[in-house]
Amino acid sequence: MNYSSELKYGTDMLEKAAVPDAALDARLLLEEAAAIDHSHFLLMKGEQVDPRVHESYEEMLRQRAERIPLQQITGYTEFMGLRFLVNKDVLCPRQDTETLSECALGYIEHFSERPKVLDLCTGSGCIAISIDKLSDSYVTACDISEAALDLARKNAALNLASVSFFQGDLFGALPEGKAFDLIVSNPPYIRTGDIAGLMPEVKDHEPLNALDGSSDGLLFYRRIIGDSRDFLCPGGAIMLEIGFDQADQVEEIARGHGFTDIRTIKDLAGNDRVVIIRTGI
């Protein structure tokens, strides 16, 4: 079987399993199994597939047909131009979340001295590490999951980042006396009742504690915004990723805690994605 036939075989298998973007995933998995990039794949379409590559490809296809996320099968993904390891203990970094990282980087550019940045609910560490690598800042990251932090530390080492990691429940993870110029977070924000309706890749293979934001999806916004003043430097800011329909509610939570400088940023798809809250001087 040559590479063109192998790709058709993989695409048919994933289509029968109702996998979204079956043709794309089949190609990416074939390239992964053969350890080649797309340019080499195009040149090799008529070449015969090594039996060992076919065996590896079949196993990857079997996993993807079971709706295991592509990133968990390959073990990595790209975020902000950096490579991150991924496993079942963390959410797969998504392009939507790059909006939060970009907002943070734009804010940091205006500091004359290195700002102190805190990433709550860090998961894979993709936000904290991308900020550390792409700006001149001191970055701290927290997560309640030790398994997630284990992976985040590996990602920091992989990307030669110097992030300080702490394990614990939101601000409770931090040593006393810590204050930050910027607090960022992509917290759990899915409504509990909506989780059963998510794609199998998410509801069956990503950690529930990174998804479930309580019955209304707003628990972590209340906690982060409510406790943030004790951990913000004068003039500091909070940036929170939100669900597409949560901007008004999160802005109202911020106003209820005395914040008045609040705005929402849209992602590339035009959906509300990041709420920015400024403390003023």
Protein backbone atom coordinates (compact mmCIF):
# COMPACT_ATOMS: atom_id res chain seq x y z
CA MET A 1 0.00 0.00 0.00
CA ASN A 2 1.40 3.43 -0.92
CA TYR A 3 0.94 6.61 1.07
CA SER A 4 -2.04 7.80 -0.99
CA SER A 5 -3.85 4.52 -0.43
CA GLU A 6 -2.91 4.52 3.24
CA LEU A 7 -4.36 7.99 3.65
CA LYS A 8 -7.62 6.94 2.00
CA TYR A 9 -7.76 3.90 4.28
CA GLY A 10 -7.30 6.11 7.34
CA THR A 11 -9.80 8.72 6.18
CA ASP A 12 -12.47 6.07 5.53
CA MET A 13 -11.90 4.56 8.96
CA LEU A 14 -12.26 7.90 10.75
CA GLU A 15 -15.28 8.93 8.68
CA LYS A 16 -17.05 5.70 9.67
CA ALA A 17 -16.37 6.62 13.30
CA ALA A 18 -17.87 10.10 12.70
CA VAL A 19 -14.63 11.83 13.63
CA PRO A 20 -14.72 15.56 12.74
CA ASP A 21 -12.18 16.62 10.11
CA ALA A 22 -11.48 12.96 9.35
CA ALA A 23 -9.30 13.60 6.28
CA LEU A 24 -7.12 16.13 8.07
CA ASP A 25 -6.70 13.98 11.16
CA ALA A 26 -5.93 10.92 9.05
CA ARG A 27 -3.17 12.81 7.26
CA LEU A 28 -1.69 14.27 10.43
CA LEU A 29 -1.62 10.85 12.06
CA LEU A 30 -0.01 9.28 9.01
CA GLU A 31 2.68 11.94 9.00
CA GLU A 32 3.20 11.36 12.71
CA ALA A 33 3.45 7.58 12.26
CA ALA A 34 5.97 8.01 9.45
CA ALA A 35 7.87 10.81 11.28
CA ILE A 36 7.62 13.10 8.24
CA ASP A 37 6.33 16.62 7.67
CA HIS A 38 3.67 17.59 5.14
CA SER A 39 6.18 18.54 2.44
CA HIS A 40 7.76 15.10 2.61
CA PHE A 41 4.33 13.47 2.57
CA LEU A 42 3.48 15.23 -0.70
CA LEU A 43 6.70 13.93 -2.24
CA MET A 44 6.12 10.38 -0.97
CA LYS A 45 2.50 9.81 -2.01
CA GLY A 46 3.40 7.07 -4.48
CA GLU A 47 5.95 5.33 -2.25
CA GLN A 48 5.21 2.12 -0.39
CA VAL A 49 4.49 2.37 3.33
CA ASP A 50 6.83 0.51 5.64
CA PRO A 51 4.93 -2.22 7.56
CA ARG A 52 6.07 -0.71 10.84
CA VAL A 53 4.60 2.65 9.84
CA HIS A 54 1.34 0.94 8.87
CA GLU A 55 1.17 -0.83 12.24
CA SER A 56 1.79 2.41 14.14
CA TYR A 57 -0.75 4.23 11.96
CA GLU A 58 -3.44 1.62 12.58
CA GLU A 59 -3.01 1.96 16.35
CA MET A 60 -3.29 5.76 16.12
CA LEU A 61 -6.38 5.46 13.94
CA ARG A 62 -7.96 3.06 16.42
CA GLN A 63 -7.44 5.57 19.23
CA ARG A 64 -8.77 8.47 17.17
CA ALA A 65 -11.83 6.40 16.18
CA GLU A 66 -12.48 6.06 19.92
CA ARG A 67 -12.55 9.89 19.95
CA ILE A 68 -9.32 10.26 21.90
CA PRO A 69 -8.10 13.79 21.03
CA LEU A 70 -5.50 13.99 18.29
CA GLN A 71 -3.15 15.89 20.59
CA GLN A 72 -3.28 13.17 23.22
CA ILE A 73 -2.43 10.56 20.58
CA THR A 74 0.58 12.44 19.23
CA GLY A 75 1.47 13.68 22.72
CA TYR A 76 1.99 17.31 21.77
CA THR A 77 0.44 20.41 20.23
CA GLU A 78 1.45 23.92 19.15
CA PHE A 79 0.47 27.08 21.01
CA MET A 80 1.76 30.61 20.35
CA GLY A 81 4.44 29.11 18.11
CA LEU A 82 5.75 26.85 20.90
CA ARG A 83 5.44 23.10 21.34
CA PHE A 84 3.65 21.70 24.39
CA LEU A 85 3.33 18.17 25.68
CA VAL A 86 -0.28 17.07 26.20
CA ASN A 87 -1.89 14.20 28.11
CA LYS A 88 -5.18 13.25 29.74
CA ASP A 89 -4.41 15.33 32.85
CA VAL A 90 -4.77 18.71 31.11
CA LEU A 91 -6.97 20.47 28.61
CA CYS A 92 -5.55 20.47 25.10
CA PRO A 93 -4.37 24.06 24.45
CA ARG A 94 -6.70 25.70 21.94
CA GLN A 95 -6.25 28.53 19.48
CA ASP A 96 -9.02 30.52 21.21
CA THR A 97 -6.81 30.78 24.29
CA GLU A 98 -4.06 32.45 22.26
CA THR A 99 -6.28 35.56 22.47
CA LEU A 100 -5.67 35.65 26.23
CA SER A 101 -1.91 35.25 25.81
CA GLU A 102 -1.83 37.97 23.16
CA CYS A 103 -3.78 40.37 25.39
CA ALA A 104 -1.33 39.70 28.23
CA LEU A 105 1.70 40.26 25.99
CA GLY A 106 0.26 43.54 24.72
CA TYR A 107 -0.29 44.74 28.29
CA ILE A 108 3.21 43.75 29.40
CA GLU A 109 4.80 45.77 26.58
CA HIS A 110 3.92 49.01 28.38
CA PHE A 111 5.93 48.26 31.54
CA SER A 112 9.28 49.95 31.94
CA GLU A 113 10.36 47.32 34.48
CA ARG A 114 9.74 43.57 34.44
CA PRO A 115 6.15 42.99 35.59
CA LYS A 116 5.06 40.12 37.84
CA VAL A 117 2.47 37.86 36.20
CA LEU A 118 0.30 35.15 37.79
CA ASP A 119 -1.44 32.40 35.80
CA LEU A 120 -4.19 30.65 37.77
CA CYS A 121 -5.46 27.21 36.67
CA THR A 122 -2.37 26.82 34.53
CA GLY A 123 -3.01 23.25 33.31
CA SER A 124 -0.40 22.43 30.67
CA GLY A 125 1.32 25.73 31.42
CA CYS A 126 0.75 27.01 27.89
CA ILE A 127 -0.31 30.54 28.92
CA ALA A 128 2.36 31.02 31.59
CA ILE A 129 5.15 29.59 29.46
CA SER A 130 4.21 31.54 26.33
CA ILE A 131 4.16 34.76 28.38
CA ASP A 132 7.53 33.91 29.90
CA LYS A 133 9.09 33.12 26.52
CA LEU A 134 7.59 36.01 24.57
CA SER A 135 7.99 38.84 27.09
CA ASP A 136 10.36 40.15 29.73
CA SER A 137 8.41 39.28 32.87
CA TYR A 138 8.46 37.22 36.06
CA VAL A 139 5.82 34.50 35.74
CA THR A 140 4.21 32.42 38.49
CA ALA A 141 1.69 29.66 37.77
CA CYS A 142 -0.68 27.67 40.01
CA ASP A 143 -2.94 24.68 39.64
CA ILE A 144 -4.84 22.47 42.07
CA SER A 145 -3.81 19.35 40.14
CA GLU A 146 -0.36 17.99 40.89
CA ALA A 147 -0.59 15.82 37.76
CA ALA A 148 -1.19 18.92 35.64
CA LEU A 149 1.72 20.69 37.30
CA ASP A 150 4.00 17.75 36.59
CA LEU A 151 3.26 18.19 32.90
CA ALA A 152 3.52 22.00 33.10
CA ARG A 153 7.01 21.67 34.60
CA LYS A 154 8.00 19.34 31.74
CA ASN A 155 6.69 21.90 29.26
CA ALA A 156 8.66 24.64 30.97
CA ALA A 157 11.82 22.55 30.68
CA LEU A 158 11.03 21.70 27.05
CA ASN A 159 10.69 25.41 26.22
CA LEU A 160 13.54 26.59 28.48
CA ALA A 161 11.09 28.74 30.46
CA SER A 162 11.68 30.02 33.99
CA VAL A 163 8.16 29.88 35.45
CA SER A 164 7.65 29.35 39.20
CA PHE A 165 4.97 26.71 39.86
CA PHE A 166 2.84 26.24 42.98
CA GLN A 167 0.23 23.60 43.76
CA GLY A 168 -3.01 24.57 45.45
CA ASP A 169 -6.50 26.05 45.14
CA LEU A 170 -6.27 29.39 43.29
CA PHE A 171 -4.63 32.10 45.44
CA GLY A 172 -4.29 29.62 48.31
CA ALA A 173 -1.37 28.08 46.45
CA LEU A 174 0.75 31.21 46.81
CA PRO A 175 3.28 32.07 49.51
CA GLU A 176 2.23 34.99 51.72
CA GLY A 177 2.95 38.50 50.53
CA LYS A 178 2.82 37.81 46.80
CA ALA A 179 1.43 40.60 44.59
CA PHE A 180 1.22 40.80 40.82
CA ASP A 181 0.93 43.38 38.08
CA LEU A 182 -1.17 41.02 35.99
CA ILE A 183 -3.34 38.01 36.84
CA VAL A 184 -4.44 35.79 33.96
CA SER A 185 -6.61 32.69 33.97
CA ASN A 186 -8.45 30.28 31.72
CA PRO A 187 -10.53 28.75 34.53
CA PRO A 188 -13.18 26.01 34.32
CA TYR A 189 -16.26 27.73 32.90
CA ILE A 190 -18.54 25.09 31.38
CA ARG A 191 -21.93 24.85 33.07
CA THR A 192 -22.24 21.50 34.84
CA GLY A 193 -25.41 20.65 32.94
CA ASP A 194 -23.76 21.36 29.58
CA ILE A 195 -20.84 18.96 29.99
CA ALA A 196 -22.79 15.86 28.87
CA GLY A 197 -23.47 17.58 25.55
CA LEU A 198 -19.84 18.34 24.74
CA MET A 199 -17.91 16.48 22.07
CA PRO A 200 -16.62 13.05 23.19
CA GLU A 201 -13.05 14.29 22.82
CA VAL A 202 -13.74 16.79 25.59
CA LYS A 203 -16.26 15.21 27.95
CA ASP A 204 -14.74 11.71 27.87
CA HIS A 205 -11.01 12.43 27.61
CA GLU A 206 -10.23 15.78 29.23
CA PRO A 207 -10.15 16.35 33.02
CA LEU A 208 -13.55 17.20 34.47
CA ASN A 209 -12.07 19.53 37.09
CA ALA A 210 -10.68 21.69 34.27
CA LEU A 211 -14.10 21.97 32.63
CA ASP A 212 -16.78 22.22 35.33
CA GLY A 213 -17.46 25.81 36.34
CA SER A 214 -20.50 24.92 38.53
CA SER A 215 -24.20 25.12 37.66
CA ASP A 216 -23.92 28.55 36.03
CA GLY A 217 -20.29 28.28 34.91
CA LEU A 218 -19.28 31.34 36.92
CA LEU A 219 -17.89 29.92 40.18
CA PHE A 220 -14.24 30.55 39.40
CA TYR A 221 -14.85 34.07 38.10
CA ARG A 222 -16.53 34.95 41.39
CA ARG A 223 -13.64 33.49 43.37
CA ILE A 224 -10.83 34.97 41.30
CA ILE A 225 -12.32 38.45 40.97
CA GLY A 226 -13.53 38.47 44.59
CA ASP A 227 -10.09 37.65 46.03
CA SER A 228 -7.92 39.41 43.46
CA ARG A 229 -7.46 42.79 45.15
CA ASP A 230 -5.32 41.21 47.87
CA PHE A 231 -2.92 39.97 45.19
CA LEU A 232 -2.82 42.88 42.73
CA CYS A 233 -0.24 45.64 42.67
CA PRO A 234 -1.59 49.21 42.30
CA GLY A 235 -2.64 49.74 38.70
CA GLY A 236 -2.71 46.00 38.06
CA ALA A 237 -5.06 44.07 35.80
CA ILE A 238 -6.94 40.78 35.55
CA MET A 239 -7.48 38.99 32.23
CA LEU A 240 -9.91 36.08 32.12
CA GLU A 241 -10.84 33.77 29.28
CA ILE A 242 -14.61 33.31 29.09
CA GLY A 243 -17.20 31.30 27.23
CA PHE A 244 -18.72 33.03 24.20
CA ASP A 245 -21.91 33.92 26.11
CA GLN A 246 -20.47 34.89 29.50
CA ALA A 247 -19.14 38.44 28.97
CA ASP A 248 -22.09 40.30 30.49
CA GLN A 249 -22.18 38.08 33.56
CA VAL A 250 -18.44 38.25 34.22
CA GLU A 251 -18.44 42.01 33.74
CA GLU A 252 -21.31 42.25 36.25
CA ILE A 253 -19.33 40.18 38.77
CA ALA A 254 -16.42 42.62 38.37
CA ARG A 255 -18.66 45.65 38.86
CA GLY A 256 -20.13 44.00 41.95
CA HIS A 257 -16.63 43.93 43.45
CA GLY A 258 -16.05 47.62 42.79
CA PHE A 259 -14.18 47.46 39.47
CA THR A 260 -15.19 50.04 36.88
CA ASP A 261 -12.54 49.77 34.13
CA ILE A 262 -13.78 46.64 32.35
CA ARG A 263 -13.83 45.60 28.71
CA THR A 264 -14.25 42.45 26.65
CA ILE A 265 -12.04 41.34 23.75
CA LYS A 266 -13.21 39.10 20.91
CA ASP A 267 -11.26 36.20 19.43
CA LEU A 268 -10.47 35.71 15.72
CA ALA A 269 -13.87 34.06 15.19
CA GLY A 270 -15.63 37.17 16.50
CA ASN A 271 -16.72 35.59 19.80
CA ASP A 272 -16.32 37.30 23.18
CA ARG A 273 -13.22 35.63 24.63
CA VAL A 274 -11.32 37.72 27.22
CA VAL A 275 -12.59 40.05 29.94
CA ILE A 276 -9.99 42.63 31.00
CA ILE A 277 -10.40 44.28 34.39
CA ARG A 278 -8.17 47.21 35.42
CA THR A 279 -7.80 48.39 39.01
CA GLY A 280 -6.72 51.95 38.31
CA ILE A 281 -3.95 53.67 40.23
